[in-house]
Amino acid sequence: MGYEIMSRTRNIFVINLGSTSSKVAICRNESIVKQHEVPHDTRELRELKTPEGIVSFYKRIVIGFLEDNGIDLAEFDALAVRGVGKWGSYRHGAYLLTHEIVEDCHKNPIGHIGLFASTLIGHELSQKFGIPAYLYDVVPTDEVPEMACITGIPNYRRKVASHTLNCRATARKVAEQLGRDPNGSTFIITHLGGGFCTLAYKDGNIVETYSAEEGSFTPERAGRIPSAFLIDLFSNKNLTQEEIGRILKKDVGLYGHLGTSSCIEIEQRIREGDKKAAMVYEAMAYQVSKDISSLGAVVYGKVDAVILTGGIAHSKMFTGWIKERVEFLAPVIIMPGSMEMEALAGGVTRVLNGEEPVNDYADVRLRVLFEDLQN
C-alpha cells in the first residue's frame, strides 16, 4: 500500500457519492491524506434507471481510486459513509451500517441516488474487508420539537431532512472561531449546493429546517410547490407518470429556467447582460433570504450568527444578495465549500475512540412503525 498506516491514529476511508460530484478519501482521524473528486453531468446521472446501474456507475469511482492507489481496506480502522437507511427520526451522530439499513435502503430509497449507492457500496466493502462502516449525521436527522411536525392534514406528520453533516461541522467550526461552545450557540445555517437546506442550530441540535423540498428552489430542485399546482398536474389525464416526474423533479430549479445548473455559467451570462438569468438567479437568493429570516422566529430572534456554506457560498454575487437582506438578524459568516469529508472521518474517529456513542438503528425502525400505526 502506498500510504503508511500509523498505529496511534485512526485510519478512515470516506465514501461520499453525490448528485453534482462524488468524493472518496483516505483520512487519518479527521485530516484528509488523499482525496479524489469526480464531477457529474446532470444529464449523465439521469440516464441511470436501475439500482444495478446506479451502483455500478458509482462503484467504478470507488474501486478505481482504491486500485489506482494500491489501497488495501483491510488495513483501515473503519469506513465513513454518507448514506441512509429508511426515512425516519434519526439522531445526529453515528449509526453502524448494517444489513438492516441496506435492506431498508433497497425497499424505499430516499434522497438522491448517491446516498443509495454510498450505502450499498459501503456495506459491501465493509463485509468484504472485515472492517466496520458507519453512517454519520444522516440527511433525515430529526430532532425538531413535535410542534414543528404538525401539519394542516390530520395524521400526516411532516418529514424532516437537512444537510446535517456539513451544517453541524460548520457550526462547530464557526463556534470555535468565535470562541463559543458549540453546545451553547445558536446559528441559522444555509447549505448552498445542488440542493439547499436552511436550518436552525441550537445547542448542538437541529431544531428546525427547510429541506430542498420545503424551501427555496435550487440549482436542481423545485423547492416548495403550491398544492393547487400539484392537484392540477396529477388531474391532467394527458400526462404520463414519467412526464409528471420530469415536470416536478427534472426540468426544475435553475436547470429548468435556464438550461443549466452551473452558477458559474449563469453568473457569466448575467455579466454579459442576460436579464432573465439575473432575475431567476436573484429570485433564488430572495427565497433563501426568506427562509433564513423566518427561522429567526423559531429561536425568538436570538441568533449568534447566520452562516452560509456549500459550494455556491464561493459566489460573492449570490451571497451578497442574501447578506443584504438578512444581516439585520445577526452577523453573516461565509464558510465556502464543504467539510463533509472531514466531518465524516472526524465523527467516526470520535466513535472509535469512545468519545461519542453509536446510535441504535432499531430505534429509527420503531419510530417509523409507531408513526405508521398512528396514521
Protein backbone atom coordinates (compact mmCIF):
# COMPACT_ATOMS: atom_id res chain seq x y z
CA MET A 1 0.00 0.00 0.00
CA GLY A 2 1.21 3.48 -0.85
CA TYR A 3 0.24 5.07 2.50
CA GLU A 4 1.77 4.08 5.83
CA ILE A 5 -0.78 3.09 8.46
CA MET A 6 0.12 4.66 11.81
CA SER A 7 -0.84 2.68 14.92
CA ARG A 8 -1.51 5.80 17.01
CA THR A 9 -4.06 7.24 14.62
CA ARG A 10 -7.41 6.15 13.23
CA ASN A 11 -7.30 5.45 9.52
CA ILE A 12 -10.67 6.05 7.88
CA PHE A 13 -11.77 5.54 4.29
CA VAL A 14 -14.53 8.02 3.42
CA ILE A 15 -17.22 7.49 0.78
CA ASN A 16 -19.41 10.44 -0.19
CA LEU A 17 -21.20 9.90 -3.51
CA GLY A 18 -23.37 12.76 -4.70
CA SER A 19 -25.57 14.30 -7.37
CA THR A 20 -23.17 17.03 -8.52
CA SER A 21 -19.89 15.32 -7.61
CA SER A 22 -18.56 12.27 -5.77
CA LYS A 23 -15.65 12.15 -3.34
CA VAL A 24 -13.61 9.38 -1.77
CA ALA A 25 -10.73 9.97 0.61
CA ILE A 26 -8.09 8.47 2.86
CA CYS A 27 -8.20 10.20 6.24
CA ARG A 28 -6.14 10.00 9.38
CA ASN A 29 -8.53 11.00 12.10
CA GLU A 30 -10.31 13.99 10.54
CA SER A 31 -7.39 15.06 8.33
CA ILE A 32 -7.51 14.22 4.62
CA VAL A 33 -4.38 12.43 3.37
CA LYS A 34 -5.54 11.94 -0.20
CA GLN A 35 -8.85 12.74 -1.86
CA HIS A 36 -10.35 12.09 -5.26
CA GLU A 37 -13.33 14.06 -6.60
CA VAL A 38 -15.32 13.31 -9.74
CA PRO A 39 -17.78 15.95 -11.04
CA HIS A 40 -21.04 14.67 -12.53
CA ASP A 41 -23.05 15.81 -15.50
CA THR A 42 -26.74 16.06 -14.56
CA ARG A 43 -27.73 14.56 -17.91
CA GLU A 44 -25.44 11.56 -17.38
CA LEU A 45 -26.93 10.74 -13.99
CA ARG A 46 -30.45 10.90 -15.37
CA GLU A 47 -29.61 8.01 -17.69
CA LEU A 48 -29.16 5.72 -14.66
CA LYS A 49 -32.51 3.93 -14.47
CA THR A 50 -31.95 0.82 -12.34
CA PRO A 51 -30.45 0.16 -8.88
CA GLU A 52 -27.84 -2.06 -10.52
CA GLY A 53 -26.90 0.67 -12.98
CA ILE A 54 -26.65 3.28 -10.23
CA VAL A 55 -24.40 1.13 -8.03
CA SER A 56 -22.24 0.09 -10.99
CA PHE A 57 -21.71 3.70 -12.06
CA TYR A 58 -20.61 4.89 -8.62
CA LYS A 59 -18.69 1.72 -7.76
CA ARG A 60 -16.27 2.38 -10.61
CA ILE A 61 -15.28 5.62 -8.89
CA VAL A 62 -14.62 3.97 -5.52
CA ILE A 63 -12.88 0.83 -6.79
CA GLY A 64 -10.88 2.83 -9.31
CA PHE A 65 -9.46 5.01 -6.54
CA LEU A 66 -8.57 2.00 -4.40
CA GLU A 67 -6.87 0.18 -7.26
CA ASP A 68 -5.04 3.22 -8.64
CA ASN A 69 -3.52 3.88 -5.23
CA GLY A 70 -2.87 0.29 -4.19
CA ILE A 71 -5.09 0.58 -1.13
CA ASP A 72 -5.94 -2.47 1.00
CA LEU A 73 -9.01 -1.58 3.04
CA ALA A 74 -8.29 -4.42 5.45
CA GLU A 75 -5.57 -2.20 6.91
CA PHE A 76 -8.05 0.56 7.79
CA ASP A 77 -9.95 1.02 11.05
CA ALA A 78 -13.33 1.86 9.53
CA LEU A 79 -15.35 3.22 6.64
CA ALA A 80 -17.21 6.52 7.00
CA VAL A 81 -20.17 6.58 4.61
CA ARG A 82 -22.57 9.34 3.67
CA GLY A 83 -25.60 7.11 3.25
CA VAL A 84 -29.01 6.42 4.72
CA GLY A 85 -31.49 3.65 5.51
CA LYS A 86 -35.24 4.23 5.56
CA TRP A 87 -36.90 7.55 6.20
CA GLY A 88 -37.28 8.10 9.92
CA SER A 89 -36.34 10.05 13.00
CA TYR A 90 -32.57 9.71 13.23
CA ARG A 91 -30.46 11.37 15.88
CA HIS A 92 -27.33 13.22 14.94
CA GLY A 93 -24.14 11.19 15.18
CA ALA A 94 -23.21 7.66 14.12
CA TYR A 95 -25.08 4.53 13.06
CA LEU A 96 -23.34 1.25 12.32
CA LEU A 97 -24.03 0.37 8.66
CA THR A 98 -25.84 -2.96 8.96
CA HIS A 99 -27.70 -5.38 6.73
CA GLU A 100 -30.98 -3.92 8.08
CA ILE A 101 -30.04 -0.45 6.83
CA VAL A 102 -29.15 -1.83 3.40
CA GLU A 103 -32.41 -3.77 3.30
CA ASP A 104 -34.42 -0.64 4.10
CA CYS A 105 -32.42 1.38 1.59
CA HIS A 106 -33.35 -1.13 -1.13
CA LYS A 107 -37.03 -1.18 -0.20
CA ASN A 108 -37.58 2.56 -0.08
CA PRO A 109 -34.67 4.66 -1.41
CA ILE A 110 -34.72 8.27 -0.20
CA GLY A 111 -32.69 11.28 -1.18
CA HIS A 112 -30.51 11.38 -4.28
CA ILE A 113 -29.04 8.30 -5.94
CA GLY A 114 -25.59 8.98 -4.48
CA LEU A 115 -26.89 8.28 -0.95
CA PHE A 116 -28.32 4.98 -2.17
CA ALA A 117 -25.08 3.98 -3.87
CA SER A 118 -22.91 5.05 -0.91
CA THR A 119 -24.94 2.87 1.45
CA LEU A 120 -24.79 -0.26 -0.68
CA ILE A 121 -21.15 0.11 -1.70
CA GLY A 122 -20.05 0.96 1.85
CA HIS A 123 -21.74 -2.14 3.28
CA GLU A 124 -20.31 -4.38 0.55
CA LEU A 125 -16.76 -3.17 1.21
CA SER A 126 -17.27 -3.48 4.97
CA GLN A 127 -18.25 -7.13 4.59
CA LYS A 128 -15.52 -7.89 2.09
CA PHE A 129 -12.65 -6.43 4.11
CA GLY A 130 -13.93 -7.11 7.62
CA ILE A 131 -13.96 -3.54 8.91
CA PRO A 132 -16.93 -1.61 10.34
CA ALA A 133 -18.74 1.01 8.29
CA TYR A 134 -20.64 3.88 9.88
CA LEU A 135 -23.15 6.45 8.71
CA TYR A 136 -22.76 9.85 10.35
CA ASP A 137 -25.11 12.85 10.58
CA VAL A 138 -27.53 11.43 8.02
CA VAL A 139 -29.84 13.56 5.87
CA PRO A 140 -33.11 12.69 7.70
CA THR A 141 -31.79 13.67 11.13
CA ASP A 142 -34.95 14.65 13.01
CA GLU A 143 -34.52 16.34 16.38
CA VAL A 144 -37.09 19.07 15.89
CA PRO A 145 -39.85 19.54 18.51
CA GLU A 146 -43.06 17.69 17.74
CA MET A 147 -44.86 21.02 17.32
CA ALA A 148 -42.76 21.63 14.19
CA CYS A 149 -44.04 18.42 12.59
CA ILE A 150 -47.77 19.10 12.89
CA THR A 151 -49.31 19.85 9.50
CA GLY A 152 -52.74 21.05 8.42
CA ILE A 153 -53.56 17.49 7.38
CA PRO A 154 -54.55 15.35 10.38
CA ASN A 155 -52.44 12.20 10.85
CA TYR A 156 -49.80 13.38 8.40
CA ARG A 157 -46.52 14.14 10.17
CA ARG A 158 -44.12 16.39 8.37
CA LYS A 159 -40.90 14.66 7.28
CA VAL A 160 -37.69 16.41 8.26
CA ALA A 161 -34.43 16.40 6.30
CA SER A 162 -31.34 18.57 6.13
CA HIS A 163 -27.69 18.76 5.12
CA THR A 164 -26.95 17.69 8.68
CA LEU A 165 -23.37 16.62 8.07
CA ASN A 166 -21.87 19.80 6.66
CA CYS A 167 -24.09 22.15 8.68
CA ARG A 168 -23.18 20.64 12.06
CA ALA A 169 -19.49 20.55 11.09
CA THR A 170 -19.69 24.19 10.01
CA ALA A 171 -21.41 25.12 13.27
CA ARG A 172 -18.61 23.54 15.29
CA LYS A 173 -16.01 25.40 13.19
CA VAL A 174 -17.70 28.79 13.49
CA ALA A 175 -18.25 28.34 17.22
CA GLU A 176 -14.53 27.62 17.59
CA GLN A 177 -13.64 30.77 15.62
CA LEU A 178 -15.98 32.86 17.77
CA GLY A 179 -14.61 31.35 20.96
CA ARG A 180 -18.00 29.85 21.78
CA ASP A 181 -19.15 26.45 22.97
CA PRO A 182 -20.96 24.78 20.01
CA ASN A 183 -23.36 23.27 22.55
CA GLY A 184 -24.21 26.75 23.79
CA SER A 185 -24.60 28.56 20.47
CA THR A 186 -27.48 29.39 18.15
CA PHE A 187 -26.92 29.67 14.40
CA ILE A 188 -29.05 29.80 11.29
CA ILE A 189 -27.17 27.90 8.60
CA THR A 190 -27.82 27.62 4.87
CA HIS A 191 -26.07 24.95 2.83
CA LEU A 192 -25.90 26.06 -0.81
CA GLY A 193 -25.21 23.12 -3.14
CA GLY A 194 -27.13 21.27 -5.85
CA GLY A 195 -29.88 21.22 -3.25
CA PHE A 196 -30.25 23.77 -0.47
CA CYS A 197 -31.08 23.45 3.20
CA THR A 198 -31.66 26.18 5.74
CA LEU A 199 -31.78 25.17 9.38
CA ALA A 200 -31.79 26.47 12.93
CA TYR A 201 -28.98 25.02 15.04
CA LYS A 202 -29.28 25.42 18.80
CA ASP A 203 -27.05 23.90 21.47
CA GLY A 204 -25.78 21.12 19.20
CA ASN A 205 -29.16 20.09 17.80
CA ILE A 206 -31.03 20.98 14.63
CA VAL A 207 -34.32 22.35 15.96
CA GLU A 208 -35.93 23.35 12.65
CA THR A 209 -35.14 23.09 8.98
CA TYR A 210 -36.26 23.83 5.45
CA SER A 211 -35.30 20.90 3.25
CA ALA A 212 -34.78 21.15 -0.51
CA GLU A 213 -38.48 20.30 -0.92
CA GLU A 214 -39.76 22.86 1.58
CA GLY A 215 -37.63 25.92 0.98
CA SER A 216 -36.22 27.90 -1.92
CA PHE A 217 -35.83 26.42 -5.34
CA THR A 218 -32.21 25.48 -6.01
CA PRO A 219 -29.96 24.74 -9.00
CA GLU A 220 -31.54 21.27 -9.30
CA ARG A 221 -34.66 21.26 -7.09
CA ALA A 222 -38.10 22.82 -7.43
CA GLY A 223 -38.41 23.80 -3.78
CA ARG A 224 -41.84 24.45 -2.27
CA ILE A 225 -44.66 23.78 -4.74
CA PRO A 226 -48.26 25.05 -4.26
CA SER A 227 -50.77 22.25 -3.66
CA ALA A 228 -53.15 23.68 -6.27
CA PHE A 229 -50.49 23.18 -8.95
CA LEU A 230 -49.95 19.57 -7.84
CA ILE A 231 -53.69 18.85 -7.94
CA ASP A 232 -53.96 20.26 -11.46
CA LEU A 233 -50.87 18.34 -12.57
CA PHE A 234 -52.00 14.95 -11.29
CA SER A 235 -55.53 15.55 -12.59
CA ASN A 236 -54.25 16.04 -16.13
CA LYS A 237 -55.05 12.75 -17.88
CA ASN A 238 -52.88 13.71 -20.84
CA LEU A 239 -49.69 13.41 -18.76
CA THR A 240 -47.92 10.13 -18.05
CA GLN A 241 -46.23 9.42 -14.71
CA GLU A 242 -42.88 9.87 -16.43
CA GLU A 243 -43.90 13.29 -17.73
CA ILE A 244 -45.13 14.34 -14.28
CA GLY A 245 -41.85 13.19 -12.78
CA ARG A 246 -39.95 15.26 -15.33
CA ILE A 247 -42.01 18.36 -14.55
CA LEU A 248 -41.54 18.01 -10.79
CA LYS A 249 -38.03 16.62 -10.48
CA LYS A 250 -36.04 17.04 -13.68
CA ASP A 251 -36.81 20.26 -15.55
CA VAL A 252 -36.76 22.31 -12.35
CA GLY A 253 -34.73 24.89 -10.46
CA LEU A 254 -32.09 26.88 -12.28
CA TYR A 255 -31.77 24.00 -14.72
CA GLY A 256 -35.43 24.23 -15.65
CA HIS A 257 -35.41 28.00 -16.02
CA LEU A 258 -32.05 28.47 -17.70
CA GLY A 259 -30.97 25.11 -19.09
CA THR A 260 -28.01 24.80 -16.74
CA SER A 261 -27.42 24.25 -13.03
CA SER A 262 -23.94 25.79 -13.19
CA CYS A 263 -23.86 29.00 -11.17
CA ILE A 264 -20.52 29.89 -12.77
CA GLU A 265 -22.13 29.77 -16.21
CA ILE A 266 -25.19 31.72 -15.05
CA GLU A 267 -23.10 34.49 -13.48
CA GLN A 268 -21.15 34.81 -16.72
CA ARG A 269 -24.44 35.17 -18.61
CA ILE A 270 -25.53 37.86 -16.14
CA ARG A 271 -22.29 39.78 -16.70
CA GLU A 272 -22.98 39.57 -20.44
CA GLY A 273 -26.41 41.19 -19.94
CA ASP A 274 -28.78 38.20 -19.72
CA LYS A 275 -31.73 39.77 -17.87
CA LYS A 276 -33.67 36.52 -17.45
CA ALA A 277 -30.67 34.83 -15.85
CA ALA A 278 -30.25 37.80 -13.50
CA MET A 279 -33.93 37.75 -12.48
CA VAL A 280 -34.07 33.99 -11.82
CA TYR A 281 -30.73 33.89 -10.00
CA GLU A 282 -31.62 36.77 -7.69
CA ALA A 283 -35.07 35.24 -7.11
CA MET A 284 -33.30 32.17 -5.73
CA ALA A 285 -31.32 34.37 -3.32
CA TYR A 286 -34.52 36.20 -2.38
CA GLN A 287 -36.21 32.93 -1.42
CA VAL A 288 -33.20 31.74 0.59
CA SER A 289 -33.30 35.06 2.47
CA LYS A 290 -36.96 34.46 3.33
CA ASP A 291 -36.13 31.01 4.69
CA ILE A 292 -33.32 32.37 6.85
CA SER A 293 -35.39 35.21 8.22
CA SER A 294 -38.37 33.02 9.06
CA LEU A 295 -36.18 30.65 11.11
CA GLY A 296 -35.19 33.64 13.22
CA ALA A 297 -38.69 33.44 14.72
CA VAL A 298 -38.13 29.82 15.77
CA VAL A 299 -35.30 30.86 18.10
CA TYR A 300 -37.04 34.11 19.21
CA GLY A 301 -34.60 36.22 17.20
CA LYS A 302 -31.68 35.23 19.45
CA VAL A 303 -29.12 34.29 16.80
CA ASP A 304 -25.36 34.37 17.27
CA ALA A 305 -24.63 34.24 13.53
CA VAL A 306 -26.08 33.46 10.13
CA ILE A 307 -23.78 31.06 8.29
CA LEU A 308 -23.67 30.49 4.52
CA THR A 309 -21.82 27.35 3.43
CA GLY A 310 -21.65 24.92 0.49
CA GLY A 311 -20.23 25.33 -3.00
CA ILE A 312 -22.33 28.36 -4.02
CA ALA A 313 -21.12 30.21 -0.92
CA HIS A 314 -17.99 30.89 -3.02
CA SER A 315 -20.13 33.31 -5.07
CA LYS A 316 -19.80 36.90 -3.89
CA MET A 317 -22.72 37.85 -6.11
CA PHE A 318 -25.15 35.32 -4.64
CA THR A 319 -24.08 35.59 -1.01
CA GLY A 320 -24.04 39.38 -1.32
CA TRP A 321 -27.73 39.42 -2.21
CA ILE A 322 -28.55 37.24 0.79
CA LYS A 323 -26.38 39.23 3.19
CA GLU A 324 -28.12 42.48 2.28
CA ARG A 325 -31.48 41.03 3.29
CA VAL A 326 -30.62 39.06 6.45
CA GLU A 327 -27.79 40.81 8.27
CA PHE A 328 -30.38 42.68 10.36
CA LEU A 329 -30.82 39.37 12.18
CA ALA A 330 -27.18 38.59 13.06
CA PRO A 331 -23.67 38.86 11.60
CA VAL A 332 -23.36 36.86 8.38
CA ILE A 333 -20.40 34.48 8.25
CA ILE A 334 -19.49 32.88 4.94
CA MET A 335 -17.79 29.46 5.05
CA PRO A 336 -17.49 28.41 1.38
CA GLY A 337 -17.26 24.80 0.33
CA SER A 338 -18.00 21.73 2.33
CA MET A 339 -16.40 19.97 5.28
CA GLU A 340 -18.33 16.77 4.70
CA MET A 341 -15.29 14.53 4.25
CA GLU A 342 -13.57 15.82 7.39
CA ALA A 343 -16.87 15.67 9.28
CA LEU A 344 -17.47 12.04 8.32
CA ALA A 345 -13.92 11.00 9.24
CA GLY A 346 -13.88 13.05 12.44
CA GLY A 347 -17.21 11.67 13.61
CA VAL A 348 -16.18 8.07 13.06
CA THR A 349 -12.83 8.73 14.74
CA ARG A 350 -14.63 10.00 17.84
CA VAL A 351 -16.81 6.89 17.82
CA LEU A 352 -13.81 4.57 17.57
CA ASN A 353 -12.12 6.46 20.41
CA GLY A 354 -15.18 6.12 22.63
CA GLU A 355 -15.85 9.87 22.64
CA GLU A 356 -19.29 9.53 21.01
CA PRO A 357 -21.90 6.75 21.29
CA VAL A 358 -23.25 4.74 18.38
CA ASN A 359 -26.98 5.26 17.88
CA ASP A 360 -29.29 2.23 17.62
CA TYR A 361 -30.94 1.87 14.19
CA ALA A 362 -33.68 -0.24 15.81
CA ASP A 363 -34.95 2.99 17.39
CA VAL A 364 -35.42 4.50 13.92
CA ARG A 365 -37.39 1.47 12.76
CA LEU A 366 -39.57 1.53 15.88
CA ARG A 367 -40.34 5.22 15.44
CA VAL A 368 -41.38 4.65 11.83
CA LEU A 369 -43.59 1.71 12.86
CA PHE A 370 -45.20 3.81 15.59
CA GLU A 371 -45.95 6.65 13.17
CA ASP A 372 -47.37 4.22 10.59
CA LEU A 373 -49.71 2.75 13.22
CA GLN A 374 -50.86 6.24 14.19
CA ASN A 375 -51.65 7.01 10.57
